[in-house]
C-alpha atoms as a PDB file:
ATOM      1  CA  MET A   1      12.386 -13.290 -19.597  1.00  0.00           C
ATOM      2  CA  THR A   2      11.520  -9.672 -20.236  1.00  0.00           C
ATOM      3  CA  SER A   3      14.196  -6.991 -19.984  1.00  0.00           C
ATOM      4  CA  LYS A   4      11.768  -4.552 -18.365  1.00  0.00           C
ATOM      5  CA  GLN A   5      11.273  -4.256 -14.631  1.00  0.00           C
ATOM      6  CA  VAL A   6       8.094  -5.925 -13.382  1.00  0.00           C
ATOM      7  CA  ALA A   7       5.952  -4.578 -10.545  1.00  0.00           C
ATOM      8  CA  PHE A   8       3.233  -6.399  -8.604  1.00  0.00           C
ATOM      9  CA  ILE A   9       0.747  -4.201  -6.715  1.00  0.00           C
ATOM     10  CA  THR A  10      -1.960  -5.426  -4.340  1.00  0.00           C
ATOM     11  CA  GLY A  11      -5.246  -3.574  -3.919  1.00  0.00           C
ATOM     12  CA  ALA A  12      -4.630  -1.965  -7.284  1.00  0.00           C
ATOM     13  CA  ALA A  13      -8.077  -1.791  -8.894  1.00  0.00           C
ATOM     14  CA  SER A  14      -8.725   1.712  -7.546  1.00  0.00           C
ATOM     15  CA  GLY A  15      -7.370   4.593  -5.517  1.00  0.00           C
ATOM     16  CA  LEU A  16      -3.738   4.789  -4.547  1.00  0.00           C
ATOM     17  CA  GLY A  17      -2.750   1.363  -5.871  1.00  0.00           C
ATOM     18  CA  LYS A  18      -4.108   2.163  -9.305  1.00  0.00           C
ATOM     19  CA  LYS A  19      -2.357   5.553  -9.416  1.00  0.00           C
ATOM     20  CA  ILE A  20       0.981   4.047  -8.380  1.00  0.00           C
ATOM     21  CA  GLY A  21       0.599   1.449 -11.102  1.00  0.00           C
ATOM     22  CA  GLU A  22      -0.192   4.118 -13.659  1.00  0.00           C
ATOM     23  CA  SER A  23       2.943   6.056 -12.740  1.00  0.00           C
ATOM     24  CA  LEU A  24       5.102   2.959 -13.092  1.00  0.00           C
ATOM     25  CA  LEU A  25       3.557   2.165 -16.475  1.00  0.00           C
ATOM     26  CA  LYS A  26       4.434   5.666 -17.660  1.00  0.00           C
ATOM     27  CA  GLU A  27       8.021   4.993 -16.619  1.00  0.00           C
ATOM     28  CA  GLY A  28       8.097   1.996 -18.956  1.00  0.00           C
ATOM     29  CA  LYS A  29       7.680  -0.761 -16.398  1.00  0.00           C
ATOM     30  CA  ILE A  30       5.432  -3.792 -16.678  1.00  0.00           C
ATOM     31  CA  VAL A  31       2.738  -3.618 -14.004  1.00  0.00           C
ATOM     32  CA  VAL A  32       0.682  -6.507 -12.709  1.00  0.00           C
ATOM     33  CA  PHE A  33      -2.384  -5.034 -11.041  1.00  0.00           C
ATOM     34  CA  SER A  34      -3.774  -7.317  -8.346  1.00  0.00           C
ATOM     35  CA  ASP A  35      -7.093  -7.127  -6.525  1.00  0.00           C
ATOM     36  CA  ILE A  36      -9.842  -9.330  -5.148  1.00  0.00           C
ATOM     37  CA  ASN A  37     -12.448  -7.537  -7.282  1.00  0.00           C
ATOM     38  CA  GLN A  38     -12.262  -9.290 -10.664  1.00  0.00           C
ATOM     39  CA  ALA A  39     -14.622  -6.920 -12.504  1.00  0.00           C
ATOM     40  CA  ALA A  40     -12.823  -3.755 -11.337  1.00  0.00           C
ATOM     41  CA  LEU A  41      -9.451  -5.347 -12.030  1.00  0.00           C
ATOM     42  CA  ASP A  42     -10.463  -6.244 -15.589  1.00  0.00           C
ATOM     43  CA  GLU A  43     -11.566  -2.664 -16.228  1.00  0.00           C
ATOM     44  CA  VAL A  44      -8.252  -1.239 -15.012  1.00  0.00           C
ATOM     45  CA  VAL A  45      -6.179  -3.604 -17.133  1.00  0.00           C
ATOM     46  CA  LYS A  46      -8.364  -2.993 -20.177  1.00  0.00           C
ATOM     47  CA  GLU A  47      -8.023   0.775 -19.722  1.00  0.00           C
ATOM     48  CA  TYR A  48      -4.231   0.733 -19.629  1.00  0.00           C
ATOM     49  CA  GLN A  49      -3.801  -1.845 -22.366  1.00  0.00           C
ATOM     50  CA  ALA A  50      -6.021   0.264 -24.624  1.00  0.00           C
ATOM     51  CA  ASN A  51      -3.576   3.128 -24.102  1.00  0.00           C
ATOM     52  CA  GLY A  52      -0.607   1.015 -25.151  1.00  0.00           C
ATOM     53  CA  PHE A  53       0.778   0.162 -21.714  1.00  0.00           C
ATOM     54  CA  HIS A  54       2.098  -3.252 -20.694  1.00  0.00           C
ATOM     55  CA  ALA A  55      -0.417  -3.997 -17.941  1.00  0.00           C
ATOM     56  CA  SER A  56      -1.853  -7.279 -16.776  1.00  0.00           C
ATOM     57  CA  GLY A  57      -4.017  -8.455 -13.911  1.00  0.00           C
ATOM     58  CA  ALA A  58      -3.848 -11.165 -11.264  1.00  0.00           C
ATOM     59  CA  ILE A  59      -6.806 -11.852  -9.017  1.00  0.00           C
ATOM     60  CA  CYS A  60      -5.627 -12.215  -5.440  1.00  0.00           C
ATOM     61  CA  ASP A  61      -7.011 -12.448  -1.918  1.00  0.00           C
ATOM     62  CA  VAL A  62      -4.135 -11.094   0.158  1.00  0.00           C
ATOM     63  CA  THR A  63      -5.442 -12.803   3.292  1.00  0.00           C
ATOM     64  CA  ASN A  64      -5.065 -16.220   1.666  1.00  0.00           C
ATOM     65  CA  GLU A  65      -1.532 -17.565   1.298  1.00  0.00           C
ATOM     66  CA  GLU A  66      -2.425 -19.954  -1.519  1.00  0.00           C
ATOM     67  CA  SER A  67      -4.085 -17.153  -3.487  1.00  0.00           C
ATOM     68  CA  MET A  68      -1.091 -14.849  -3.001  1.00  0.00           C
ATOM     69  CA  ASN A  69       1.394 -17.532  -4.004  1.00  0.00           C
ATOM     70  CA  GLU A  70      -0.604 -18.386  -7.117  1.00  0.00           C
ATOM     71  CA  ALA A  71      -0.729 -14.732  -8.181  1.00  0.00           C
ATOM     72  CA  ILE A  72       3.025 -14.290  -7.807  1.00  0.00           C
ATOM     73  CA  ASP A  73       3.688 -17.614  -9.530  1.00  0.00           C
ATOM     74  CA  THR A  74       1.617 -16.274 -12.436  1.00  0.00           C
ATOM     75  CA  VAL A  75       3.819 -13.188 -12.612  1.00  0.00           C
ATOM     76  CA  MET A  76       6.946 -15.314 -12.729  1.00  0.00           C
ATOM     77  CA  ALA A  77       5.481 -17.615 -15.373  1.00  0.00           C
ATOM     78  CA  LEU A  78       4.582 -14.651 -17.569  1.00  0.00           C
ATOM     79  CA  TYR A  79       7.704 -12.519 -17.171  1.00  0.00           C
ATOM     80  CA  GLY A  80      10.422 -14.556 -15.461  1.00  0.00           C
ATOM     81  CA  ARG A  81      11.149 -11.820 -12.946  1.00  0.00           C
ATOM     82  CA  LEU A  82       9.609  -9.677 -10.218  1.00  0.00           C
ATOM     83  CA  ASP A  83      11.459  -6.496  -9.330  1.00  0.00           C
ATOM     84  CA  ILE A  84       8.954  -4.430  -7.355  1.00  0.00           C
ATOM     85  CA  LEU A  85       6.394  -5.473  -4.756  1.00  0.00           C
ATOM     86  CA  ILE A  86       3.969  -2.869  -3.475  1.00  0.00           C
ATOM     87  CA  ASN A  87       1.822  -4.039  -0.566  1.00  0.00           C
ATOM     88  CA  ASN A  88      -1.063  -1.613  -0.870  1.00  0.00           C
ATOM     89  CA  ALA A  89      -4.314  -3.501  -0.142  1.00  0.00           C
ATOM     90  CA  GLY A  90      -6.146  -1.929   2.772  1.00  0.00           C
ATOM     91  CA  ILE A  91      -9.457  -1.363   4.465  1.00  0.00           C
ATOM     92  CA  GLN A  92     -10.748   0.935   7.182  1.00  0.00           C
ATOM     93  CA  HIS A  93     -13.197   0.584  10.057  1.00  0.00           C
ATOM     94  CA  VAL A  94     -13.804   3.290  12.631  1.00  0.00           C
ATOM     95  CA  ALA A  95     -15.263   2.458  16.042  1.00  0.00           C
ATOM     96  CA  MET A  96     -14.236   2.781  19.656  1.00  0.00           C
ATOM     97  CA  ILE A  97     -12.599  -0.355  21.063  1.00  0.00           C
ATOM     98  CA  GLU A  98     -15.653  -1.398  23.087  1.00  0.00           C
ATOM     99  CA  ASP A  99     -17.740  -1.302  19.891  1.00  0.00           C
ATOM    100  CA  PHE A 100     -15.102  -2.709  17.529  1.00  0.00           C
ATOM    101  CA  PRO A 101     -16.094  -6.166  16.210  1.00  0.00           C
ATOM    102  CA  THR A 102     -13.348  -8.665  16.966  1.00  0.00           C
ATOM    103  CA  ASP A 103     -13.773 -10.451  13.650  1.00  0.00           C
ATOM    104  CA  ARG A 104     -13.335  -7.116  11.829  1.00  0.00           C
ATOM    105  CA  TYR A 105     -10.169  -6.424  13.830  1.00  0.00           C
ATOM    106  CA  ARG A 106      -8.732  -9.833  12.902  1.00  0.00           C
ATOM    107  CA  PHE A 107      -9.620  -9.333   9.243  1.00  0.00           C
ATOM    108  CA  MET A 108      -7.844  -5.967   9.146  1.00  0.00           C
ATOM    109  CA  ILE A 109      -4.708  -7.488  10.666  1.00  0.00           C
ATOM    110  CA  ASP A 110      -4.872 -10.318   8.127  1.00  0.00           C
ATOM    111  CA  MET A 111      -5.249  -7.936   5.191  1.00  0.00           C
ATOM    112  CA  MET A 112      -2.767  -5.226   6.124  1.00  0.00           C
ATOM    113  CA  LEU A 113      -0.105  -7.100   8.104  1.00  0.00           C
ATOM    114  CA  VAL A 114      -0.290 -10.829   7.452  1.00  0.00           C
ATOM    115  CA  GLY A 115      -0.893 -10.207   3.739  1.00  0.00           C
ATOM    116  CA  PRO A 116       2.291  -8.148   3.295  1.00  0.00           C
ATOM    117  CA  PHE A 117       4.194 -10.788   5.294  1.00  0.00           C
ATOM    118  CA  ILE A 118       2.965 -13.539   2.959  1.00  0.00           C
ATOM    119  CA  ALA A 119       3.852 -11.523  -0.132  1.00  0.00           C
ATOM    120  CA  THR A 120       7.282 -10.598   1.212  1.00  0.00           C
ATOM    121  CA  LYS A 121       7.948 -14.219   2.179  1.00  0.00           C
ATOM    122  CA  LYS A 122       7.113 -15.286  -1.371  1.00  0.00           C
ATOM    123  CA  VAL A 123       9.112 -12.649  -3.266  1.00  0.00           C
ATOM    124  CA  MET A 124      12.190 -12.504  -1.060  1.00  0.00           C
ATOM    125  CA  PRO A 125      13.873 -15.609  -2.563  1.00  0.00           C
ATOM    126  CA  ILE A 126      13.070 -14.343  -6.066  1.00  0.00           C
ATOM    127  CA  MET A 127      14.609 -10.945  -5.394  1.00  0.00           C
ATOM    128  CA  LYS A 128      17.639 -12.403  -3.610  1.00  0.00           C
ATOM    129  CA  ASN A 129      18.270 -14.623  -6.599  1.00  0.00           C
ATOM    130  CA  GLN A 130      18.016 -11.576  -8.897  1.00  0.00           C
ATOM    131  CA  LYS A 131      20.306  -9.554  -6.582  1.00  0.00           C
ATOM    132  CA  PHE A 132      17.764  -6.769  -6.857  1.00  0.00           C
ATOM    133  CA  GLY A 133      14.381  -5.878  -5.468  1.00  0.00           C
ATOM    134  CA  ARG A 134      12.211  -3.077  -4.162  1.00  0.00           C
ATOM    135  CA  ILE A 135       9.491  -3.680  -1.580  1.00  0.00           C
ATOM    136  CA  ILE A 136       7.197  -0.820  -0.640  1.00  0.00           C
ATOM    137  CA  ASN A 137       4.730  -1.260   2.197  1.00  0.00           C
ATOM    138  CA  MET A 138       1.957   1.313   2.121  1.00  0.00           C
ATOM    139  CA  ALA A 139       1.591   2.203   5.788  1.00  0.00           C
ATOM    140  CA  SER A 140       0.158   5.439   7.218  1.00  0.00           C
ATOM    141  CA  ILE A 141       0.878   8.185   9.705  1.00  0.00           C
ATOM    142  CA  GLN A 142      -1.240   5.930  11.899  1.00  0.00           C
ATOM    143  CA  ALA A 143       1.734   3.596  11.841  1.00  0.00           C
ATOM    144  CA  VAL A 144       3.566   6.113  14.023  1.00  0.00           C
ATOM    145  CA  VAL A 145       0.787   7.874  15.978  1.00  0.00           C
ATOM    146  CA  GLY A 146      -2.465   6.702  17.499  1.00  0.00           C
ATOM    147  CA  PHE A 147      -5.949   7.788  16.470  1.00  0.00           C
ATOM    148  CA  ALA A 148      -8.984   7.056  18.635  1.00  0.00           C
ATOM    149  CA  GLY A 149     -11.459   4.830  16.837  1.00  0.00           C
ATOM    150  CA  LYS A 150      -8.919   3.072  14.627  1.00  0.00           C
ATOM    151  CA  ALA A 151      -7.682   0.162  16.724  1.00  0.00           C
ATOM    152  CA  GLY A 152      -7.581  -2.218  13.760  1.00  0.00           C
ATOM    153  CA  TYR A 153      -5.884   0.159  11.334  1.00  0.00           C
ATOM    154  CA  ASN A 154      -3.380   1.475  13.894  1.00  0.00           C
ATOM    155  CA  SER A 155      -2.434  -2.037  15.003  1.00  0.00           C
ATOM    156  CA  ALA A 156      -1.926  -3.302  11.461  1.00  0.00           C
ATOM    157  CA  LYS A 157       0.072  -0.297  10.300  1.00  0.00           C
ATOM    158  CA  HIS A 158       2.298  -0.192  13.392  1.00  0.00           C
ATOM    159  CA  GLY A 159       3.051  -3.860  12.806  1.00  0.00           C
ATOM    160  CA  LEU A 160       3.758  -3.212   9.148  1.00  0.00           C
ATOM    161  CA  VAL A 161       6.558  -0.810  10.068  1.00  0.00           C
ATOM    162  CA  GLY A 162       8.095  -3.533  12.253  1.00  0.00           C
ATOM    163  CA  LEU A 163       7.862  -6.021   9.391  1.00  0.00           C
ATOM    164  CA  THR A 164       9.495  -3.462   7.096  1.00  0.00           C
ATOM    165  CA  LYS A 165      12.501  -3.111   9.387  1.00  0.00           C
ATOM    166  CA  VAL A 166      13.029  -6.857   9.756  1.00  0.00           C
ATOM    167  CA  ALA A 167      12.672  -7.487   6.012  1.00  0.00           C
ATOM    168  CA  ALA A 168      15.143  -4.685   5.283  1.00  0.00           C
ATOM    169  CA  LEU A 169      17.715  -6.183   7.658  1.00  0.00           C
ATOM    170  CA  GLU A 170      17.303  -9.668   6.227  1.00  0.00           C
ATOM    171  CA  SER A 171      17.847  -8.492   2.648  1.00  0.00           C
ATOM    172  CA  ALA A 172      20.232  -5.554   2.974  1.00  0.00           C
ATOM    173  CA  ASP A 173      23.183  -7.371   1.399  1.00  0.00           C
ATOM    174  CA  SER A 174      21.166  -8.650  -1.577  1.00  0.00           C
ATOM    175  CA  GLY A 175      20.478  -5.479  -3.550  1.00  0.00           C
ATOM    176  CA  ILE A 176      17.007  -5.207  -2.024  1.00  0.00           C
ATOM    177  CA  THR A 177      15.452  -2.257  -0.245  1.00  0.00           C
ATOM    178  CA  VAL A 178      12.320  -2.396   1.890  1.00  0.00           C
ATOM    179  CA  ASN A 179      10.534   0.755   2.983  1.00  0.00           C
ATOM    180  CA  ALA A 180       7.194   1.823   4.418  1.00  0.00           C
ATOM    181  CA  VAL A 181       5.506   4.939   3.072  1.00  0.00           C
ATOM    182  CA  CYS A 182       3.404   6.623   5.751  1.00  0.00           C
ATOM    183  CA  PRO A 183       0.988   9.103   4.167  1.00  0.00           C
ATOM    184  CA  GLY A 184      -1.306  11.385   6.076  1.00  0.00           C
ATOM    185  CA  TYR A 185      -4.842  11.867   4.858  1.00  0.00           C
ATOM    186  CA  VAL A 186      -5.027  11.181   1.124  1.00  0.00           C
ATOM    187  CA  ASP A 187      -7.919  12.087  -1.141  1.00  0.00           C
ATOM    188  CA  THR A 188      -9.052   8.525  -1.926  1.00  0.00           C
ATOM    189  CA  PRO A 189     -12.252   6.485  -1.488  1.00  0.00           C
ATOM    190  CA  LEU A 190     -10.708   4.936   1.647  1.00  0.00           C
ATOM    191  CA  LEU A 191     -10.917   8.354   3.328  1.00  0.00           C
ATOM    192  CA  THR A 192     -14.269   9.351   1.865  1.00  0.00           C
ATOM    193  CA  ASN A 193     -15.848   6.120   3.059  1.00  0.00           C
ATOM    194  CA  GLN A 194     -14.867   6.726   6.688  1.00  0.00           C
ATOM    195  CA  MET A 195     -16.223  10.276   7.013  1.00  0.00           C
ATOM    196  CA  GLN A 196     -19.532   9.162   8.519  1.00  0.00           C
ATOM    197  CA  ASP A 197     -17.823   7.030  11.156  1.00  0.00           C
ATOM    198  CA  LEU A 198     -15.322   9.784  11.969  1.00  0.00           C
ATOM    199  CA  ALA A 199     -18.231  12.179  12.468  1.00  0.00           C
ATOM    200  CA  LYS A 200     -19.957   9.694  14.773  1.00  0.00           C
ATOM    201  CA  THR A 201     -16.916   9.033  16.961  1.00  0.00           C
ATOM    202  CA  ARG A 202     -16.134  12.761  17.236  1.00  0.00           C
ATOM    203  CA  GLY A 203     -19.693  14.010  17.742  1.00  0.00           C
ATOM    204  CA  VAL A 204     -19.763  16.340  14.732  1.00  0.00           C
ATOM    205  CA  ASP A 205     -21.774  16.559  11.515  1.00  0.00           C
ATOM    206  CA  GLU A 206     -20.318  14.632   8.588  1.00  0.00           C
ATOM    207  CA  ALA A 207     -20.025  17.861   6.573  1.00  0.00           C
ATOM    208  CA  ASP A 208     -17.804  19.294   9.321  1.00  0.00           C
ATOM    209  CA  VAL A 209     -15.292  16.456   9.625  1.00  0.00           C
ATOM    210  CA  LEU A 210     -12.582  18.216   7.627  1.00  0.00           C
ATOM    211  CA  GLU A 211     -12.897  21.531   9.484  1.00  0.00           C
ATOM    212  CA  GLU A 212     -13.549  20.148  12.949  1.00  0.00           C
ATOM    213  CA  VAL A 213     -11.538  16.903  13.032  1.00  0.00           C
ATOM    214  CA  LEU A 214      -8.806  16.849  10.391  1.00  0.00           C
ATOM    215  CA  TRP A 215      -7.693  20.426   9.718  1.00  0.00           C
ATOM    216  CA  PRO A 216      -6.744  21.047  13.386  1.00  0.00           C
ATOM    217  CA  LEU A 217      -4.314  18.127  13.018  1.00  0.00           C
ATOM    218  CA  ILE A 218      -2.845  19.087   9.619  1.00  0.00           C
ATOM    219  CA  PRO A 219      -0.863  22.346   9.435  1.00  0.00           C
ATOM    220  CA  GLN A 220      -1.125  22.476   5.623  1.00  0.00           C
ATOM    221  CA  LYS A 221      -4.920  22.058   5.943  1.00  0.00           C
ATOM    222  CA  ARG A 222      -5.256  19.945   2.825  1.00  0.00           C
ATOM    223  CA  LEU A 223      -5.584  16.344   1.754  1.00  0.00           C
ATOM    224  CA  LEU A 224      -2.645  14.776  -0.047  1.00  0.00           C
ATOM    225  CA  ASP A 225      -3.100  14.035  -3.729  1.00  0.00           C
ATOM    226  CA  VAL A 226      -2.576  10.429  -4.796  1.00  0.00           C
ATOM    227  CA  GLN A 227      -0.016  11.556  -7.381  1.00  0.00           C
ATOM    228  CA  GLU A 228       2.210  12.928  -4.619  1.00  0.00           C
ATOM    229  CA  ILE A 229       2.382   9.480  -3.062  1.00  0.00           C
ATOM    230  CA  ALA A 230       2.901   7.763  -6.409  1.00  0.00           C
ATOM    231  CA  ASP A 231       5.780  10.117  -7.216  1.00  0.00           C
ATOM    232  CA  TYR A 232       7.522   9.321  -3.947  1.00  0.00           C
ATOM    233  CA  VAL A 233       7.113   5.602  -4.518  1.00  0.00           C
ATOM    234  CA  SER A 234       8.741   6.076  -7.929  1.00  0.00           C
ATOM    235  CA  PHE A 235      11.687   7.747  -6.204  1.00  0.00           C
ATOM    236  CA  LEU A 236      12.055   4.962  -3.633  1.00  0.00           C
ATOM    237  CA  ILE A 237      12.259   2.255  -6.270  1.00  0.00           C
ATOM    238  CA  SER A 238      14.803   4.183  -8.323  1.00  0.00           C
ATOM    239  CA  ASP A 239      18.581   3.938  -8.060  1.00  0.00           C
ATOM    240  CA  LYS A 240      18.572   7.396  -6.493  1.00  0.00           C
ATOM    241  CA  ALA A 241      17.156   5.813  -3.339  1.00  0.00           C
ATOM    242  CA  LYS A 242      19.270   2.653  -3.199  1.00  0.00           C
ATOM    243  CA  ALA A 243      20.713   3.602   0.211  1.00  0.00           C
ATOM    244  CA  ILE A 244      17.258   4.087   1.748  1.00  0.00           C
ATOM    245  CA  THR A 245      16.001   0.921   3.426  1.00  0.00           C
ATOM    246  CA  GLY A 246      14.083  -0.031   6.550  1.00  0.00           C
ATOM    247  CA  GLN A 247      12.540   3.412   6.837  1.00  0.00           C
ATOM    248  CA  ALA A 248       9.048   4.584   7.736  1.00  0.00           C
ATOM    249  CA  ILE A 249       8.834   7.657   5.524  1.00  0.00           C
ATOM    250  CA  ILE A 250       6.225  10.190   6.593  1.00  0.00           C
ATOM    251  CA  MET A 251       4.291  12.382   4.145  1.00  0.00           C
ATOM    252  CA  ASP A 252       1.615  14.122   6.181  1.00  0.00           C
ATOM    253  CA  GLY A 253       1.332  17.864   5.517  1.00  0.00           C
ATOM    254  CA  GLY A 254       2.891  18.513   8.919  1.00  0.00           C
ATOM    255  CA  TYR A 255       0.596  16.279  11.005  1.00  0.00           C
ATOM    256  CA  THR A 256       3.432  14.810  13.089  1.00  0.00           C
ATOM    257  CA  ILE A 257       5.480  17.998  13.540  1.00  0.00           C
ATOM    258  CA  GLN A 258       3.750  18.782  16.816  1.00  0.00           C
END
């Protein structure tokens, strides 16, 4: 068994998951990057290993319980411990409810709510046995407010906050904390890829989405940087935050002040 803390991150081949993993590597942790995209995952692991970091990869479909269990079993076989779970895998689809495909809605719930449940179910006995664990669920401000056109995302993220609270209660006496991070709009491909749909649902040109749709909602009038989120995750898994559990922590540039 390694003496270093081990983190397992879903949806980690790009964007926010990758940046969180990078931050944890720089802190000296072992990071298992997980994703469904084998080619992208291999590139990420190769990149960090080439720079001397202790990174590895585990292919995983978070909507499939067998796949998730196999990935986590691989982590345990390699390192003998799992200290940090970050449920990050996500997807976006923007459409009004009457135009929202039901199969897409179900898939989003499976990925962003059922997937974190499966992962939490798997790691909870491991962490309880260790008397230590940190579970971070990457939620969204759309876990606490609604946004027209995002029925699937809003539903999944609202549910994820509920799961966070229950998991925190069920593990509070075992040295485990469970929290949901709720970022506002972050400068990642997930946001970039929804600009066209946001423009369509709001009746504006795609080039005007920031000025016409987002900036009126965000007092700071800026997108969050992925490093800001990664830094806060690092705080939450540290001993400095050991009394923080069951919380939906908002980082939104002032979006929810009003």
